[in-house]
Structures are given as C-alpha cells and as structure tokens.
C-alpha cells in the first residue's frame, strides 16, 4: 500500500500469502488468474451484491457458522460424516469449496456451469443411510435446499455484522436472489429470493433439526480441535467465537453452546471485528492486472477466501 513502511508491507505480504495458501491451495494463483482474466459473460456483474458479500473477509466467520448450522440436519450431517473427509483433509476440502464459490461468483458463465456440473456429479454419487437407518442422497432437492439456506443465512449474517460495508435491506434481498441462481443450478427447487423468504424457509426446516452425535463431534472439531499450529489457535478461537455469537439462539441451544451476553458484547464482537479487519488488511484486492473481464477490479478476497458449506 502507498506510504506503508517496508517492514509493515513485508509483514502484510507474509500474512496475506499464508492465508491465501490456506484457503486457495497450491493452485490458488493459477485459479485466480483464470477466474478473473478469462474473457466472457459472467453470471453476476460487478455491481451485484453477491460480489460484495463473497469478496469480504467476513466470509471467514460466515463459513464456520454455516458448517455449524448445517450440521443440525441429521441427513446432511450423516452425508458429511460419511463422505466429506472433513477430518482427514479439512484444508483440501476448504480449498475446493472456496474455489467453487469464487468460480460461480466471479468466473465466466461457462466456468461456473462446469463447476456446478462437477458438484452435481459428486452429489449424485453420495448416498447412504443414517445410524437410525434413514436413507439419504446428497442430490435430494430438499437436502440441497437446507444446505443452501444455512449457507446463505450465514454469509449474510456475518457480512451484516463484520463486513467492511454492510448492505441495506434491499441489498441483502438482492444478495439472497443472487445466491438463488447458483442454488437453482445445483438442483435446489424454490430457493428464497428475499431475506424474509430466507427466514421463513429456515423456520420451516426447524422441526427436522437436531444435534446428532455426528453434529456434536463436528462442532467439537470445528471449535476446539482445528487443524492448526498452536500459535494460530488463539486467532482461530476468536474467529470461532465470532461465528458462534452470530448463530440463532435455537441453534446454539441444540449444539449446547451457551450465550454469554456480556462477554460476547464486550469481548467477542470487538475481537472479531479486529481480526476481520486484520485479515482484510492482509488480503487486499489483486493488482490491476488481475481485473476480471467485466472491467471492474474484484473486491478483497475475491479469489475464494471464505470457508463455505460442507455439501459443495
């Protein structure tokens, strides 16, 4: 950044590179160039709210929240526990799903369609039964809808609380409508188009939700056993606490995560804001050469920085 001391600039570069490698993987630079430099029409123009939300560092909070919320559907969690490899290869999974988000949000329409077709092919192969003998299939439109609802609500809530420039009510309605385009392509039937519809459809799912042993194990892994070196764990702890603090009370109750209003208001929220500002500082927009061919420079993190949903 202009006028930044050399020592500070070097520290920012090291931190930004380390974060980018974690979320984008070894192919991250190549994927970023392909996503933003390939000419052609996009599903979403540079003015669309989905680009604002998915390009913000608040996605780190939203991703953890989405995983916790999604785990509460027994069929979705059974599929994740049996097929996702989230324990054995959590970073690889994060990198694949963050790339999916980046391609569908910023990439060409052809690349977005190919990414969706690839995920749909994976969903078709994922089927089984829960411990209670209930069958599940990852391509079930109802199950896909739950995953979409939890993801959209999580990214929206995290952006509203921690985003650099929160949207107004109309902007968040438009964000929900944007995500519906991707959801429909993935096989979701009747996704919400406004925030009110999103809330109503989430409420309609609540009778199906419960904290299975698999869900509680996933929550323990996400919150208390992250695959990170010890020096990084306090920072991740802030991220995890910020994600938990944005969960609805009923979800926290199911997962046995108590609300501590004073601690959350006086400590968790300010710490979360400071951490997200630091991530945003460390991961600035790509250089001008990295513009996508819609003509607008992408927002910070546009190459895929948020840990998204487990079913993608």
C-alpha atoms as a PDB file:
ATOM      1  CA  UNK A   1       0.000   0.000   0.000  1.00  0.00           C
ATOM      2  CA  UNK A   2       1.157   3.511  -0.789  1.00  0.00           C
ATOM      3  CA  UNK A   3       3.163   5.056   2.039  1.00  0.00           C
ATOM      4  CA  UNK A   4       3.307   1.834   4.046  1.00  0.00           C
ATOM      5  CA  UNK A   5       6.628   1.218   5.848  1.00  0.00           C
ATOM      6  CA  UNK A   6       8.674  -1.561   4.288  1.00  0.00           C
ATOM      7  CA  UNK A   7       8.627  -3.710   7.430  1.00  0.00           C
ATOM      8  CA  UNK A   8       4.868  -3.437   7.706  1.00  0.00           C
ATOM      9  CA  UNK A   9       4.408  -4.135   4.000  1.00  0.00           C
ATOM     10  CA  UNK A  10       6.565  -7.260   4.282  1.00  0.00           C
ATOM     11  CA  UNK A  11       4.549  -8.481   7.286  1.00  0.00           C
ATOM     12  CA  UNK A  12       1.304  -7.869   5.419  1.00  0.00           C
ATOM     13  CA  UNK A  13       2.604  -9.767   2.402  1.00  0.00           C
ATOM     14  CA  UNK A  14       3.671 -12.759   4.505  1.00  0.00           C
ATOM     15  CA  UNK A  15       0.368 -12.908   6.351  1.00  0.00           C
ATOM     16  CA  UNK A  16      -1.701 -12.438   3.217  1.00  0.00           C
ATOM     17  CA  UNK A  17       0.232 -15.117   1.342  1.00  0.00           C
ATOM     18  CA  UNK A  18      -0.110 -17.587   4.202  1.00  0.00           C
ATOM     19  CA  UNK A  19      -3.871 -17.018   4.429  1.00  0.00           C
ATOM     20  CA  UNK A  20      -4.283 -17.267   0.679  1.00  0.00           C
ATOM     21  CA  UNK A  21      -2.374 -20.576   0.564  1.00  0.00           C
ATOM     22  CA  UNK A  22      -4.596 -21.978   3.309  1.00  0.00           C
ATOM     23  CA  UNK A  23      -7.891 -21.132   1.657  1.00  0.00           C
ATOM     24  CA  UNK A  24      -6.964 -21.360  -2.031  1.00  0.00           C
ATOM     25  CA  UNK A  25      -4.319 -24.108  -2.024  1.00  0.00           C
ATOM     26  CA  UNK A  26      -1.228 -24.501  -4.200  1.00  0.00           C
ATOM     27  CA  UNK A  27      -3.254 -23.843  -7.355  1.00  0.00           C
ATOM     28  CA  UNK A  28      -4.649 -20.609  -5.926  1.00  0.00           C
ATOM     29  CA  UNK A  29      -2.676 -18.140  -8.090  1.00  0.00           C
ATOM     30  CA  UNK A  30      -3.460 -20.086 -11.263  1.00  0.00           C
ATOM     31  CA  UNK A  31      -7.127 -20.351 -10.362  1.00  0.00           C
ATOM     32  CA  UNK A  32      -7.297 -16.649  -9.512  1.00  0.00           C
ATOM     33  CA  UNK A  33      -5.835 -15.701 -12.886  1.00  0.00           C
ATOM     34  CA  UNK A  34      -8.245 -18.000 -14.707  1.00  0.00           C
ATOM     35  CA  UNK A  35     -11.278 -16.764 -12.768  1.00  0.00           C
ATOM     36  CA  UNK A  36     -10.603 -13.068 -13.223  1.00  0.00           C
ATOM     37  CA  UNK A  37      -8.668 -12.875 -16.500  1.00  0.00           C
ATOM     38  CA  UNK A  38     -10.712 -15.182 -18.729  1.00  0.00           C
ATOM     39  CA  UNK A  39     -12.922 -13.084 -21.014  1.00  0.00           C
ATOM     40  CA  UNK A  40     -16.601 -13.815 -21.347  1.00  0.00           C
ATOM     41  CA  UNK A  41     -20.004 -13.133 -19.776  1.00  0.00           C
ATOM     42  CA  UNK A  42     -20.474 -13.784 -16.059  1.00  0.00           C
ATOM     43  CA  UNK A  43     -23.486 -14.897 -14.051  1.00  0.00           C
ATOM     44  CA  UNK A  44     -23.040 -11.803 -11.888  1.00  0.00           C
ATOM     45  CA  UNK A  45     -21.910  -8.371 -12.993  1.00  0.00           C
ATOM     46  CA  UNK A  46     -19.561  -6.223 -10.895  1.00  0.00           C
ATOM     47  CA  UNK A  47     -22.493  -4.314  -9.384  1.00  0.00           C
ATOM     48  CA  UNK A  48     -24.179  -7.406  -7.878  1.00  0.00           C
ATOM     49  CA  UNK A  49     -24.361  -7.815  -4.067  1.00  0.00           C
ATOM     50  CA  UNK A  50     -23.078 -11.386  -4.225  1.00  0.00           C
ATOM     51  CA  UNK A  51     -19.698  -9.980  -5.263  1.00  0.00           C
ATOM     52  CA  UNK A  52     -19.672  -7.609  -2.305  1.00  0.00           C
ATOM     53  CA  UNK A  53     -20.529 -10.293   0.246  1.00  0.00           C
ATOM     54  CA  UNK A  54     -18.347 -13.079  -1.136  1.00  0.00           C
ATOM     55  CA  UNK A  55     -15.423 -10.724  -1.599  1.00  0.00           C
ATOM     56  CA  UNK A  56     -15.324  -9.641   2.046  1.00  0.00           C
ATOM     57  CA  UNK A  57     -13.195 -11.108   4.833  1.00  0.00           C
ATOM     58  CA  UNK A  58     -16.352 -11.641   6.911  1.00  0.00           C
ATOM     59  CA  UNK A  59     -16.713 -14.836   4.882  1.00  0.00           C
ATOM     60  CA  UNK A  60     -14.283 -16.448   7.335  1.00  0.00           C
ATOM     61  CA  UNK A  61     -16.863 -16.023  10.086  1.00  0.00           C
ATOM     62  CA  UNK A  62     -19.741 -16.981   7.822  1.00  0.00           C
ATOM     63  CA  UNK A  63     -18.065 -20.179   6.724  1.00  0.00           C
ATOM     64  CA  UNK A  64     -17.627 -21.519  10.254  1.00  0.00           C
ATOM     65  CA  UNK A  65     -21.202 -20.508  11.122  1.00  0.00           C
ATOM     66  CA  UNK A  66     -22.527 -22.285   8.017  1.00  0.00           C
ATOM     67  CA  UNK A  67     -20.794 -25.521   8.931  1.00  0.00           C
ATOM     68  CA  UNK A  68     -22.190 -25.431  12.474  1.00  0.00           C
ATOM     69  CA  UNK A  69     -25.707 -24.637  11.303  1.00  0.00           C
ATOM     70  CA  UNK A  70     -25.738 -27.209   8.518  1.00  0.00           C
ATOM     71  CA  UNK A  71     -24.630 -29.941  10.897  1.00  0.00           C
ATOM     72  CA  UNK A  72     -28.017 -29.772  12.634  1.00  0.00           C
ATOM     73  CA  UNK A  73     -29.820 -31.576   9.823  1.00  0.00           C
ATOM     74  CA  UNK A  74     -29.333 -35.302  10.542  1.00  0.00           C
ATOM     75  CA  UNK A  75     -29.309 -36.331   6.888  1.00  0.00           C
ATOM     76  CA  UNK A  76     -26.910 -33.582   5.818  1.00  0.00           C
ATOM     77  CA  UNK A  77     -24.606 -34.363   8.729  1.00  0.00           C
ATOM     78  CA  UNK A  78     -24.689 -38.104   8.036  1.00  0.00           C
ATOM     79  CA  UNK A  79     -23.606 -37.427   4.449  1.00  0.00           C
ATOM     80  CA  UNK A  80     -20.809 -35.118   5.609  1.00  0.00           C
ATOM     81  CA  UNK A  81     -19.596 -37.547   8.276  1.00  0.00           C
ATOM     82  CA  UNK A  82     -19.529 -40.496   5.874  1.00  0.00           C
ATOM     83  CA  UNK A  83     -18.322 -38.878   2.663  1.00  0.00           C
ATOM     84  CA  UNK A  84     -16.777 -35.438   3.103  1.00  0.00           C
ATOM     85  CA  UNK A  85     -13.382 -36.231   4.603  1.00  0.00           C
ATOM     86  CA  UNK A  86     -13.591 -33.052   6.678  1.00  0.00           C
ATOM     87  CA  UNK A  87     -11.383 -34.584   9.376  1.00  0.00           C
ATOM     88  CA  UNK A  88      -8.830 -36.276   7.156  1.00  0.00           C
ATOM     89  CA  UNK A  89      -8.398 -33.453   4.640  1.00  0.00           C
ATOM     90  CA  UNK A  90     -10.046 -30.304   6.024  1.00  0.00           C
ATOM     91  CA  UNK A  91      -7.794 -27.870   4.160  1.00  0.00           C
ATOM     92  CA  UNK A  92      -8.216 -29.637   0.844  1.00  0.00           C
ATOM     93  CA  UNK A  93     -11.967 -29.502   1.293  1.00  0.00           C
ATOM     94  CA  UNK A  94     -11.838 -25.828   2.172  1.00  0.00           C
ATOM     95  CA  UNK A  95      -9.726 -25.104  -0.879  1.00  0.00           C
ATOM     96  CA  UNK A  96     -12.067 -26.955  -3.237  1.00  0.00           C
ATOM     97  CA  UNK A  97     -15.190 -25.318  -1.896  1.00  0.00           C
ATOM     98  CA  UNK A  98     -13.709 -21.824  -1.732  1.00  0.00           C
ATOM     99  CA  UNK A  99     -12.692 -22.211  -5.364  1.00  0.00           C
ATOM    100  CA  UNK A 100     -16.261 -23.250  -6.204  1.00  0.00           C
ATOM    101  CA  UNK A 101     -17.587 -20.081  -4.584  1.00  0.00           C
ATOM    102  CA  UNK A 102     -15.071 -17.941  -6.436  1.00  0.00           C
ATOM    103  CA  UNK A 103     -15.779 -19.511  -9.817  1.00  0.00           C
ATOM    104  CA  UNK A 104     -19.554 -19.209  -9.536  1.00  0.00           C
ATOM    105  CA  UNK A 105     -19.366 -15.657  -8.170  1.00  0.00           C
ATOM    106  CA  UNK A 106     -16.628 -14.150 -10.356  1.00  0.00           C
ATOM    107  CA  UNK A 107     -15.801 -16.600 -13.140  1.00  0.00           C
ATOM    108  CA  UNK A 108     -17.186 -16.836 -16.632  1.00  0.00           C
ATOM    109  CA  UNK A 109     -20.623 -18.342 -17.147  1.00  0.00           C
ATOM    110  CA  UNK A 110     -19.034 -21.354 -18.872  1.00  0.00           C
ATOM    111  CA  UNK A 111     -16.661 -21.976 -15.970  1.00  0.00           C
ATOM    112  CA  UNK A 112     -19.480 -21.524 -13.442  1.00  0.00           C
ATOM    113  CA  UNK A 113     -21.613 -24.064 -15.268  1.00  0.00           C
ATOM    114  CA  UNK A 114     -18.753 -26.563 -15.390  1.00  0.00           C
ATOM    115  CA  UNK A 115     -18.137 -26.107 -11.663  1.00  0.00           C
ATOM    116  CA  UNK A 116     -21.827 -26.677 -10.908  1.00  0.00           C
ATOM    117  CA  UNK A 117     -21.972 -29.762 -13.144  1.00  0.00           C
ATOM    118  CA  UNK A 118     -18.936 -31.186 -11.346  1.00  0.00           C
ATOM    119  CA  UNK A 119     -20.551 -30.698  -7.933  1.00  0.00           C
ATOM    120  CA  UNK A 120     -23.842 -32.172  -9.132  1.00  0.00           C
ATOM    121  CA  UNK A 121     -21.967 -35.242 -10.315  1.00  0.00           C
ATOM    122  CA  UNK A 122     -20.442 -35.644  -6.859  1.00  0.00           C
ATOM    123  CA  UNK A 123     -23.845 -35.212  -5.197  1.00  0.00           C
ATOM    124  CA  UNK A 124     -25.344 -37.932  -7.398  1.00  0.00           C
ATOM    125  CA  UNK A 125     -22.825 -40.455  -6.053  1.00  0.00           C
ATOM    126  CA  UNK A 126     -23.264 -39.595  -2.364  1.00  0.00           C
ATOM    127  CA  UNK A 127     -25.948 -41.734  -0.780  1.00  0.00           C
ATOM    128  CA  UNK A 128     -26.312 -43.970   2.244  1.00  0.00           C
ATOM    129  CA  UNK A 129     -28.247 -44.401   5.467  1.00  0.00           C
ATOM    130  CA  UNK A 130     -28.027 -42.751   8.872  1.00  0.00           C
ATOM    131  CA  UNK A 131     -27.269 -44.676  12.069  1.00  0.00           C
ATOM    132  CA  UNK A 132     -31.059 -44.942  12.505  1.00  0.00           C
ATOM    133  CA  UNK A 133     -31.430 -46.494   9.045  1.00  0.00           C
ATOM    134  CA  UNK A 134     -32.879 -43.440   7.306  1.00  0.00           C
ATOM    135  CA  UNK A 135     -31.695 -43.190   3.682  1.00  0.00           C
ATOM    136  CA  UNK A 136     -30.120 -40.008   2.349  1.00  0.00           C
ATOM    137  CA  UNK A 137     -28.989 -38.790  -1.052  1.00  0.00           C
ATOM    138  CA  UNK A 138     -26.912 -35.626  -1.457  1.00  0.00           C
ATOM    139  CA  UNK A 139     -28.775 -34.783  -4.670  1.00  0.00           C
ATOM    140  CA  UNK A 140     -32.140 -34.674  -2.851  1.00  0.00           C
ATOM    141  CA  UNK A 141     -33.523 -31.180  -3.616  1.00  0.00           C
ATOM    142  CA  UNK A 142     -34.876 -30.829  -0.076  1.00  0.00           C
ATOM    143  CA  UNK A 143     -31.475 -31.589   1.445  1.00  0.00           C
ATOM    144  CA  UNK A 144     -29.771 -29.284  -1.031  1.00  0.00           C
ATOM    145  CA  UNK A 145     -32.171 -26.536  -0.019  1.00  0.00           C
ATOM    146  CA  UNK A 146     -31.239 -26.873   3.665  1.00  0.00           C
ATOM    147  CA  UNK A 147     -27.553 -26.597   2.826  1.00  0.00           C
ATOM    148  CA  UNK A 148     -28.243 -23.535   0.687  1.00  0.00           C
ATOM    149  CA  UNK A 149     -30.421 -21.846   3.318  1.00  0.00           C
ATOM    150  CA  UNK A 150     -27.862 -22.314   6.068  1.00  0.00           C
ATOM    151  CA  UNK A 151     -25.014 -21.107   3.877  1.00  0.00           C
ATOM    152  CA  UNK A 152     -26.828 -18.036   2.569  1.00  0.00           C
ATOM    153  CA  UNK A 153     -28.068 -17.032   6.006  1.00  0.00           C
ATOM    154  CA  UNK A 154     -24.586 -17.470   7.475  1.00  0.00           C
ATOM    155  CA  UNK A 155     -22.750 -15.418   4.862  1.00  0.00           C
ATOM    156  CA  UNK A 156     -25.407 -12.708   5.072  1.00  0.00           C
ATOM    157  CA  UNK A 157     -25.384 -12.513   8.883  1.00  0.00           C
ATOM    158  CA  UNK A 158     -21.580 -12.494   9.041  1.00  0.00           C
ATOM    159  CA  UNK A 159     -21.381  -9.728   6.448  1.00  0.00           C
ATOM    160  CA  UNK A 160     -24.027  -7.665   8.213  1.00  0.00           C
ATOM    161  CA  UNK A 161     -22.032  -7.810  11.451  1.00  0.00           C
ATOM    162  CA  UNK A 162     -18.426  -7.877  10.236  1.00  0.00           C
ATOM    163  CA  UNK A 163     -18.469  -6.686   6.618  1.00  0.00           C
ATOM    164  CA  UNK A 164     -16.490  -3.619   5.603  1.00  0.00           C
ATOM    165  CA  UNK A 165     -19.570  -2.034   4.009  1.00  0.00           C
ATOM    166  CA  UNK A 166     -22.812  -3.678   5.168  1.00  0.00           C
ATOM    167  CA  UNK A 167     -25.636  -3.530   2.642  1.00  0.00           C
ATOM    168  CA  UNK A 168     -29.065  -2.017   3.155  1.00  0.00           C
ATOM    169  CA  UNK A 169     -32.235  -4.136   3.282  1.00  0.00           C
ATOM    170  CA  UNK A 170     -32.672  -4.035  -0.497  1.00  0.00           C
ATOM    171  CA  UNK A 171     -29.043  -5.035  -0.973  1.00  0.00           C
ATOM    172  CA  UNK A 172     -29.388  -8.107   1.217  1.00  0.00           C
ATOM    173  CA  UNK A 173     -32.611  -9.069  -0.549  1.00  0.00           C
ATOM    174  CA  UNK A 174     -30.687  -8.840  -3.828  1.00  0.00           C
ATOM    175  CA  UNK A 175     -27.892 -10.965  -2.325  1.00  0.00           C
ATOM    176  CA  UNK A 176     -30.384 -13.703  -1.474  1.00  0.00           C
ATOM    177  CA  UNK A 177     -31.733 -13.511  -5.033  1.00  0.00           C
ATOM    178  CA  UNK A 178     -28.199 -13.773  -6.442  1.00  0.00           C
ATOM    179  CA  UNK A 179     -27.443 -16.905  -4.426  1.00  0.00           C
ATOM    180  CA  UNK A 180     -30.700 -18.417  -5.649  1.00  0.00           C
ATOM    181  CA  UNK A 181     -29.282 -18.528  -9.164  1.00  0.00           C
ATOM    182  CA  UNK A 182     -26.423 -20.776  -8.059  1.00  0.00           C
ATOM    183  CA  UNK A 183     -28.746 -22.832  -5.857  1.00  0.00           C
ATOM    184  CA  UNK A 184     -31.155 -23.467  -8.726  1.00  0.00           C
ATOM    185  CA  UNK A 185     -28.278 -24.571 -10.944  1.00  0.00           C
ATOM    186  CA  UNK A 186     -27.224 -27.022  -8.218  1.00  0.00           C
ATOM    187  CA  UNK A 187     -30.714 -28.548  -8.095  1.00  0.00           C
ATOM    188  CA  UNK A 188     -32.472 -26.583  -5.346  1.00  0.00           C
ATOM    189  CA  UNK A 189     -36.190 -26.158  -6.011  1.00  0.00           C
ATOM    190  CA  UNK A 190     -37.797 -22.874  -4.974  1.00  0.00           C
ATOM    191  CA  UNK A 191     -34.879 -21.165  -3.208  1.00  0.00           C
ATOM    192  CA  UNK A 192     -35.696 -17.922  -1.365  1.00  0.00           C
ATOM    193  CA  UNK A 193     -35.462 -14.652  -3.263  1.00  0.00           C
ATOM    194  CA  UNK A 194     -35.638 -12.239  -0.302  1.00  0.00           C
ATOM    195  CA  UNK A 195     -34.380 -12.157   3.259  1.00  0.00           C
ATOM    196  CA  UNK A 196     -37.936 -12.626   4.543  1.00  0.00           C
ATOM    197  CA  UNK A 197     -38.351 -15.750   2.435  1.00  0.00           C
ATOM    198  CA  UNK A 198     -34.974 -16.978   3.661  1.00  0.00           C
ATOM    199  CA  UNK A 199     -36.069 -16.618   7.293  1.00  0.00           C
ATOM    200  CA  UNK A 200     -39.421 -18.300   6.599  1.00  0.00           C
ATOM    201  CA  UNK A 201     -37.816 -21.279   4.868  1.00  0.00           C
ATOM    202  CA  UNK A 202     -35.269 -21.677   7.668  1.00  0.00           C
ATOM    203  CA  UNK A 203     -38.098 -21.703  10.200  1.00  0.00           C
ATOM    204  CA  UNK A 204     -39.931 -24.344   8.160  1.00  0.00           C
ATOM    205  CA  UNK A 205     -36.887 -26.632   8.444  1.00  0.00           C
ATOM    206  CA  UNK A 206     -36.585 -26.391  12.214  1.00  0.00           C
ATOM    207  CA  UNK A 207     -38.761 -29.443  13.041  1.00  0.00           C
ATOM    208  CA  UNK A 208     -36.269 -31.596  11.103  1.00  0.00           C
ATOM    209  CA  UNK A 209     -33.202 -30.371  13.011  1.00  0.00           C
ATOM    210  CA  UNK A 210     -31.430 -31.950  15.963  1.00  0.00           C
ATOM    211  CA  UNK A 211     -27.935 -32.327  17.315  1.00  0.00           C
ATOM    212  CA  UNK A 212     -26.876 -35.866  16.480  1.00  0.00           C
ATOM    213  CA  UNK A 213     -23.650 -37.337  17.903  1.00  0.00           C
ATOM    214  CA  UNK A 214     -22.089 -36.603  14.500  1.00  0.00           C
ATOM    215  CA  UNK A 215     -23.164 -32.966  14.700  1.00  0.00           C
ATOM    216  CA  UNK A 216     -21.710 -32.537  18.174  1.00  0.00           C
ATOM    217  CA  UNK A 217     -18.484 -34.202  17.062  1.00  0.00           C
ATOM    218  CA  UNK A 218     -18.262 -31.848  14.090  1.00  0.00           C
ATOM    219  CA  UNK A 219     -18.842 -28.849  16.374  1.00  0.00           C
ATOM    220  CA  UNK A 220     -16.088 -30.005  18.738  1.00  0.00           C
ATOM    221  CA  UNK A 221     -13.727 -30.434  15.816  1.00  0.00           C
ATOM    222  CA  UNK A 222     -14.531 -27.022  14.358  1.00  0.00           C
ATOM    223  CA  UNK A 223     -14.460 -25.110  17.620  1.00  0.00           C
ATOM    224  CA  UNK A 224     -11.898 -26.874  19.785  1.00  0.00           C
ATOM    225  CA  UNK A 225      -9.732 -29.127  17.596  1.00  0.00           C
ATOM    226  CA  UNK A 226      -8.854 -27.098  14.497  1.00  0.00           C
ATOM    227  CA  UNK A 227      -6.017 -28.499  12.359  1.00  0.00           C
ATOM    228  CA  UNK A 228      -3.788 -25.509  13.061  1.00  0.00           C
ATOM    229  CA  UNK A 229      -0.395 -24.944  14.696  1.00  0.00           C
ATOM    230  CA  UNK A 230      -0.606 -23.810  18.312  1.00  0.00           C
ATOM    231  CA  UNK A 231       0.421 -20.168  17.622  1.00  0.00           C
ATOM    232  CA  UNK A 232      -2.532 -19.761  15.239  1.00  0.00           C
ATOM    233  CA  UNK A 233      -5.158 -21.264  17.521  1.00  0.00           C
ATOM    234  CA  UNK A 234      -5.911 -18.161  19.620  1.00  0.00           C
ATOM    235  CA  UNK A 235      -6.729 -16.237  16.436  1.00  0.00           C
ATOM    236  CA  UNK A 236      -8.901 -19.081  15.187  1.00  0.00           C
ATOM    237  CA  UNK A 237     -10.553 -19.118  18.595  1.00  0.00           C
ATOM    238  CA  UNK A 238     -11.644 -15.525  18.040  1.00  0.00           C
ATOM    239  CA  UNK A 239     -12.996 -16.469  14.621  1.00  0.00           C
ATOM    240  CA  UNK A 240     -14.891 -19.444  16.041  1.00  0.00           C
ATOM    241  CA  UNK A 241     -16.317 -17.391  18.902  1.00  0.00           C
ATOM    242  CA  UNK A 242     -17.460 -14.723  16.448  1.00  0.00           C
ATOM    243  CA  UNK A 243     -19.197 -17.407  14.361  1.00  0.00           C
ATOM    244  CA  UNK A 244     -20.947 -18.921  17.385  1.00  0.00           C
ATOM    245  CA  UNK A 245     -22.100 -15.472  18.517  1.00  0.00           C
ATOM    246  CA  UNK A 246     -23.981 -14.982  15.232  1.00  0.00           C
ATOM    247  CA  UNK A 247     -25.892 -18.280  15.451  1.00  0.00           C
ATOM    248  CA  UNK A 248     -29.601 -18.066  16.257  1.00  0.00           C
ATOM    249  CA  UNK A 249     -30.409 -18.966  19.889  1.00  0.00           C
ATOM    250  CA  UNK A 250     -32.228 -22.168  18.924  1.00  0.00           C
ATOM    251  CA  UNK A 251     -29.187 -23.466  17.022  1.00  0.00           C
ATOM    252  CA  UNK A 252     -26.883 -22.688  19.928  1.00  0.00           C
ATOM    253  CA  UNK A 253     -29.247 -24.484  22.281  1.00  0.00           C
ATOM    254  CA  UNK A 254     -29.261 -27.611  20.113  1.00  0.00           C
ATOM    255  CA  UNK A 255     -25.458 -27.653  19.998  1.00  0.00           C
ATOM    256  CA  UNK A 256     -25.101 -26.895  23.707  1.00  0.00           C
ATOM    257  CA  UNK A 257     -23.310 -23.597  23.086  1.00  0.00           C
ATOM    258  CA  UNK A 258     -24.369 -21.158  25.818  1.00  0.00           C
ATOM    259  CA  UNK A 259     -24.845 -17.456  25.232  1.00  0.00           C
ATOM    260  CA  UNK A 260     -22.800 -15.131  27.395  1.00  0.00           C
ATOM    261  CA  UNK A 261     -24.187 -11.685  26.517  1.00  0.00           C
ATOM    262  CA  UNK A 262     -21.677  -9.561  28.412  1.00  0.00           C
ATOM    263  CA  UNK A 263     -18.650 -11.494  27.205  1.00  0.00           C
ATOM    264  CA  UNK A 264     -19.887 -11.546  23.635  1.00  0.00           C
ATOM    265  CA  UNK A 265     -20.793  -7.876  23.506  1.00  0.00           C
ATOM    266  CA  UNK A 266     -17.707  -6.600  25.316  1.00  0.00           C
ATOM    267  CA  UNK A 267     -15.072  -9.063  24.099  1.00  0.00           C
ATOM    268  CA  UNK A 268     -16.089 -11.389  21.266  1.00  0.00           C
ATOM    269  CA  UNK A 269     -17.567  -8.809  18.911  1.00  0.00           C
ATOM    270  CA  UNK A 270     -14.721  -6.257  19.205  1.00  0.00           C
ATOM    271  CA  UNK A 271     -12.120  -9.031  18.934  1.00  0.00           C
ATOM    272  CA  UNK A 272     -13.888 -10.448  15.896  1.00  0.00           C
ATOM    273  CA  UNK A 273     -14.014  -7.031  14.243  1.00  0.00           C
ATOM    274  CA  UNK A 274     -10.306  -6.510  14.886  1.00  0.00           C
ATOM    275  CA  UNK A 275      -9.430  -9.928  13.466  1.00  0.00           C
ATOM    276  CA  UNK A 276     -11.535  -9.460  10.321  1.00  0.00           C
ATOM    277  CA  UNK A 277     -10.010  -6.001   9.768  1.00  0.00           C
ATOM    278  CA  UNK A 278      -6.566  -7.605  10.014  1.00  0.00           C
ATOM    279  CA  UNK A 279      -7.476 -10.305   7.500  1.00  0.00           C
ATOM    280  CA  UNK A 280      -8.898  -7.654   5.183  1.00  0.00           C
ATOM    281  CA  UNK A 281      -5.689  -5.620   5.504  1.00  0.00           C
ATOM    282  CA  UNK A 282      -3.520  -8.657   4.782  1.00  0.00           C
ATOM    283  CA  UNK A 283      -5.522  -9.803   1.745  1.00  0.00           C
ATOM    284  CA  UNK A 284      -6.061  -6.695  -0.417  1.00  0.00           C
ATOM    285  CA  UNK A 285      -7.583  -6.827  -3.906  1.00  0.00           C
ATOM    286  CA  UNK A 286      -5.450  -8.359  -6.662  1.00  0.00           C
ATOM    287  CA  UNK A 287      -3.371  -5.887  -8.703  1.00  0.00           C
ATOM    288  CA  UNK A 288      -4.950  -4.135 -11.646  1.00  0.00           C
ATOM    289  CA  UNK A 289      -3.642  -6.868 -13.946  1.00  0.00           C
ATOM    290  CA  UNK A 290      -5.949  -9.251 -12.081  1.00  0.00           C
ATOM    291  CA  UNK A 291      -9.138  -7.485 -13.171  1.00  0.00           C
ATOM    292  CA  UNK A 292     -11.813  -9.813 -14.400  1.00  0.00           C
ATOM    293  CA  UNK A 293     -13.047  -9.047 -17.856  1.00  0.00           C
ATOM    294  CA  UNK A 294     -16.222  -7.375 -16.703  1.00  0.00           C
ATOM    295  CA  UNK A 295     -13.941  -4.356 -16.310  1.00  0.00           C
ATOM    296  CA  UNK A 296     -14.068  -3.946 -12.537  1.00  0.00           C
ATOM    297  CA  UNK A 297     -11.375  -4.831 -10.076  1.00  0.00           C
ATOM    298  CA  UNK A 298     -12.597  -7.584  -7.727  1.00  0.00           C
ATOM    299  CA  UNK A 299     -13.048  -6.992  -4.024  1.00  0.00           C
ATOM    300  CA  UNK A 300     -10.584  -8.239  -1.430  1.00  0.00           C
ATOM    301  CA  UNK A 301     -10.699 -11.995  -1.135  1.00  0.00           C
ATOM    302  CA  UNK A 302     -12.432 -12.430  -4.472  1.00  0.00           C
ATOM    303  CA  UNK A 303     -10.296 -15.419  -5.394  1.00  0.00           C
ATOM    304  CA  UNK A 304     -12.044 -17.548  -2.818  1.00  0.00           C
ATOM    305  CA  UNK A 305     -11.325 -16.730   0.793  1.00  0.00           C
ATOM    306  CA  UNK A 306     -14.336 -17.904   2.717  1.00  0.00           C
ATOM    307  CA  UNK A 307     -14.739 -21.447   4.090  1.00  0.00           C
ATOM    308  CA  UNK A 308     -18.071 -22.440   2.605  1.00  0.00           C
ATOM    309  CA  UNK A 309     -20.601 -25.156   3.078  1.00  0.00           C
ATOM    310  CA  UNK A 310     -19.833 -28.836   3.604  1.00  0.00           C
ATOM    311  CA  UNK A 311     -22.084 -30.150   0.864  1.00  0.00           C
ATOM    312  CA  UNK A 312     -20.352 -28.395  -2.037  1.00  0.00           C
END
